[in-house]
Amino acid sequence: MTTAAVLLAAGLGTRFDGPTPKLLAPFRGRRVVDWAVAAAVDAALDETIVVTGTVPARDLHLPGAVTVVHNAEPGDGQASSVQVALAHARTVGHSAVVVGLADQPLVLAEAWRRVAAERSRAIAVATYGGRRGNPVRLAADVWPMLPATGDAAGRAVMAEHPELVVAVPCPGDPADIDTVEDLARWSRIVSSPATGPRHN
């Protein structure tokens, strides 16, 4: 049984009006995407898959250990990117995927590891202070239930089948960088697994 980390990096990022695409924006000495990729890779699952779209893979400067798959229709939403990743996962023969977002730079490798290790139910979702976030582990049994388009992806299945879901408390923070204001705000906040976010 093998598990792949899947990082969704195909979004249009239409709410971010900065001088660069949001994934390439500088954040705490690196780029937003660099933090997310590092966490997924450092979790050391059986494979790390990055789904690209609007921003070309060459601009993401991904490490060689990463498998790149491309979503030709990123406007179809996160669910379409998940489906692109699942197509690869089926080919390889993975029994589960753990899905996270490339615009969440404060999600830690430990969150990926904890979620990947939780196999008591078909879906394991990271929680932060009791609130659901990413990443989410999806066993192969639930892949046929996932939508093909839209941004609900795993959330739709979790809402319809709560009996399939287990919560996994995790360190870190699932904050999205959706706007320039988000980037500025989170650049000023220091997150610690022990103390939580605090302002510099």
Protein backbone atom coordinates (compact mmCIF):
# COMPACT_ATOMS: atom_id res chain seq x y z
CA MET A 1 0.00 0.00 0.00
CA THR A 2 1.49 3.31 -1.08
CA THR A 3 0.43 6.90 -0.53
CA ALA A 4 1.20 9.95 -2.65
CA ALA A 5 1.32 13.56 -1.53
CA VAL A 6 -0.63 15.70 -4.00
CA LEU A 7 -0.04 19.45 -4.04
CA LEU A 8 -2.54 21.48 -6.07
CA ALA A 9 -0.74 24.37 -7.81
CA ALA A 10 -3.02 24.90 -10.80
CA GLY A 11 -5.40 27.59 -9.54
CA LEU A 12 -6.08 30.76 -11.48
CA GLY A 13 -5.36 33.02 -8.50
CA THR A 14 -7.72 35.71 -9.81
CA ARG A 15 -8.06 37.46 -6.43
CA PHE A 16 -4.33 38.09 -6.16
CA ASP A 17 -3.43 41.35 -7.93
CA GLY A 18 0.27 41.53 -7.07
CA PRO A 19 3.16 41.95 -9.53
CA THR A 20 3.69 38.17 -9.73
CA PRO A 21 1.38 35.15 -9.58
CA LYS A 22 0.63 34.45 -5.92
CA LEU A 23 2.55 31.17 -5.85
CA LEU A 24 5.69 33.04 -6.91
CA ALA A 25 5.22 35.90 -4.46
CA PRO A 26 7.96 36.33 -1.83
CA PHE A 27 6.97 35.14 1.64
CA ARG A 28 9.33 34.99 4.63
CA GLY A 29 12.46 34.72 2.55
CA ARG A 30 11.13 32.20 0.05
CA ARG A 31 8.23 32.05 -2.38
CA VAL A 32 4.76 30.94 -1.31
CA VAL A 33 4.99 27.76 -3.37
CA ASP A 34 8.45 26.89 -2.01
CA TRP A 35 7.11 26.52 1.53
CA ALA A 36 4.24 24.30 0.41
CA VAL A 37 6.41 22.10 -1.80
CA ALA A 38 9.04 21.72 0.91
CA ALA A 39 6.44 20.55 3.43
CA ALA A 40 4.99 17.98 1.02
CA VAL A 41 8.42 16.67 0.03
CA ASP A 42 9.75 16.63 3.60
CA ALA A 43 6.80 14.49 4.67
CA ALA A 44 8.55 11.71 2.70
CA LEU A 45 5.48 9.88 1.43
CA ASP A 46 5.90 7.38 -1.38
CA GLU A 47 5.61 10.01 -4.12
CA THR A 48 5.07 13.76 -4.30
CA ILE A 49 2.84 14.93 -7.14
CA VAL A 50 2.43 18.60 -8.05
CA VAL A 51 -0.51 19.55 -10.28
CA THR A 52 0.36 22.60 -12.38
CA GLY A 53 -1.88 24.84 -14.42
CA THR A 54 -1.72 28.59 -14.88
CA VAL A 55 1.89 28.94 -13.69
CA PRO A 56 4.24 26.81 -15.84
CA ALA A 57 6.20 24.11 -14.03
CA ARG A 58 9.48 25.71 -15.13
CA ASP A 59 8.59 28.86 -13.17
CA LEU A 60 7.84 26.87 -10.02
CA HIS A 61 11.44 25.55 -9.90
CA LEU A 62 10.30 22.24 -8.47
CA PRO A 63 12.81 19.76 -7.02
CA GLY A 64 13.73 16.75 -9.11
CA ALA A 65 12.04 14.34 -6.71
CA VAL A 66 8.62 15.77 -7.60
CA THR A 67 6.31 14.29 -10.23
CA VAL A 68 4.64 17.03 -12.28
CA VAL A 69 1.22 16.53 -13.87
CA HIS A 70 -0.58 19.28 -15.74
CA ASN A 71 -4.21 20.38 -15.54
CA ALA A 72 -5.07 21.77 -18.96
CA GLU A 73 -8.36 23.18 -17.64
CA PRO A 74 -7.57 24.84 -14.30
CA GLY A 75 -10.69 26.98 -14.61
CA ASP A 76 -12.70 23.83 -13.88
CA GLY A 77 -11.71 24.14 -10.23
CA GLN A 78 -9.75 22.23 -7.61
CA ALA A 79 -11.75 19.08 -8.25
CA SER A 80 -10.40 18.91 -11.79
CA SER A 81 -6.84 19.13 -10.47
CA VAL A 82 -7.54 16.32 -8.02
CA GLN A 83 -8.82 14.21 -10.90
CA VAL A 84 -5.62 14.85 -12.87
CA ALA A 85 -3.59 13.68 -9.88
CA LEU A 86 -5.80 10.63 -9.37
CA ALA A 87 -5.32 9.59 -12.98
CA HIS A 88 -1.58 9.42 -12.32
CA ALA A 89 -2.08 7.75 -8.92
CA ARG A 90 -4.18 5.01 -10.50
CA THR A 91 -1.52 4.38 -13.12
CA VAL A 92 1.17 4.04 -10.47
CA GLY A 93 -1.05 1.95 -8.20
CA HIS A 94 -1.22 4.15 -5.10
CA SER A 95 -3.79 3.13 -2.50
CA ALA A 96 -4.32 6.67 -1.19
CA VAL A 97 -3.45 10.29 -1.82
CA VAL A 98 -2.97 13.14 0.64
CA VAL A 99 -4.08 16.40 -0.95
CA GLY A 100 -2.90 19.89 0.01
CA LEU A 101 -2.80 23.36 -1.53
CA ALA A 102 0.23 25.23 -2.85
CA ASP A 103 -1.07 28.56 -1.52
CA GLN A 104 -0.99 27.39 2.12
CA PRO A 105 2.65 27.97 3.07
CA LEU A 106 2.14 27.46 6.81
CA VAL A 107 0.99 23.85 6.57
CA LEU A 108 3.81 21.74 7.99
CA ALA A 109 5.37 18.45 6.91
CA GLU A 110 4.18 16.99 10.20
CA ALA A 111 0.58 17.63 9.15
CA TRP A 112 1.15 15.68 5.93
CA ARG A 113 2.70 12.82 7.90
CA ARG A 114 -0.04 12.66 10.52
CA VAL A 115 -2.83 12.68 7.97
CA ALA A 116 -1.09 10.06 5.81
CA ALA A 117 -0.65 7.77 8.82
CA GLU A 118 -4.33 7.87 9.84
CA ARG A 119 -5.98 4.91 8.12
CA SER A 120 -8.89 4.12 10.42
CA ARG A 121 -11.34 5.59 7.91
CA ALA A 122 -11.33 6.29 4.18
CA ILE A 123 -10.93 10.05 4.63
CA ALA A 124 -8.61 11.72 7.13
CA VAL A 125 -8.73 15.49 7.41
CA ALA A 126 -6.26 17.75 9.19
CA THR A 127 -7.75 19.96 11.89
CA TYR A 128 -6.31 23.10 13.44
CA GLY A 129 -7.85 24.17 16.71
CA GLY A 130 -10.81 21.93 15.90
CA ARG A 131 -11.39 23.41 12.45
CA ARG A 132 -10.97 21.33 9.31
CA GLY A 133 -8.28 22.25 6.83
CA ASN A 134 -5.69 20.66 4.58
CA PRO A 135 -4.17 18.25 3.85
CA VAL A 136 -6.78 15.52 3.40
CA ARG A 137 -6.12 11.81 2.93
CA LEU A 138 -8.38 10.11 0.39
CA ALA A 139 -8.25 6.33 0.18
CA ALA A 140 -8.79 4.79 -3.24
CA ASP A 141 -12.23 3.56 -2.14
CA VAL A 142 -13.59 7.12 -2.23
CA TRP A 143 -11.96 8.31 -5.45
CA PRO A 144 -15.02 7.37 -7.56
CA MET A 145 -17.15 9.60 -5.30
CA LEU A 146 -15.15 12.76 -5.97
CA PRO A 147 -16.59 15.42 -8.29
CA ALA A 148 -14.94 16.10 -11.64
CA THR A 149 -15.23 19.89 -11.51
CA GLY A 150 -15.75 22.72 -9.03
CA ASP A 151 -13.92 23.67 -5.87
CA ALA A 152 -15.64 21.35 -3.39
CA ALA A 153 -13.46 18.32 -4.21
CA GLY A 154 -13.27 16.21 -1.04
CA ARG A 155 -15.52 18.53 0.95
CA ALA A 156 -18.57 17.35 -0.95
CA VAL A 157 -17.90 13.72 -0.07
CA MET A 158 -17.15 14.57 3.57
CA ALA A 159 -20.43 16.44 3.87
CA GLU A 160 -22.42 13.59 2.33
CA HIS A 161 -20.60 10.76 4.12
CA PRO A 162 -19.46 11.93 7.57
CA GLU A 163 -19.13 8.31 8.65
CA LEU A 164 -16.11 8.00 6.35
CA VAL A 165 -14.21 10.88 7.96
CA VAL A 166 -11.75 11.04 10.85
CA ALA A 167 -10.22 14.27 12.16
CA VAL A 168 -6.46 14.50 12.69
CA PRO A 169 -5.24 17.34 14.96
CA CYS A 170 -2.18 18.96 13.39
CA PRO A 171 0.37 21.69 14.11
CA GLY A 172 0.82 24.63 11.77
CA ASP A 173 -1.79 26.86 10.17
CA PRO A 174 -3.95 26.30 7.07
CA ALA A 175 -4.14 29.98 6.12
CA ASP A 176 -4.68 30.60 2.39
CA ILE A 177 -2.76 33.28 0.55
CA ASP A 178 -5.54 34.46 -1.75
CA THR A 179 -4.92 38.22 -1.88
CA VAL A 180 -2.07 40.70 -1.55
CA GLU A 181 -3.58 41.63 1.81
CA ASP A 182 -3.36 38.01 2.96
CA LEU A 183 0.28 37.92 1.95
CA ALA A 184 1.07 41.09 3.89
CA ARG A 185 -0.86 40.00 6.96
CA TRP A 186 0.66 36.53 7.22
CA SER A 187 4.13 37.86 6.51
CA ARG A 188 3.80 39.80 9.77
CA ILE A 189 2.57 36.84 11.81
CA VAL A 190 4.87 34.20 13.25
CA SER A 191 3.21 30.80 13.60
CA SER A 192 4.36 28.27 16.16
CA PRO A 193 2.87 24.82 16.78
CA ALA A 194 3.13 25.53 20.49
CA THR A 195 1.92 29.11 20.76
CA GLY A 196 -0.11 29.67 17.60
CA PRO A 197 0.06 32.79 15.43
CA ARG A 198 1.53 35.94 16.92
CA HIS A 199 2.46 39.29 15.41
CA ASN A 200 6.06 40.36 14.99
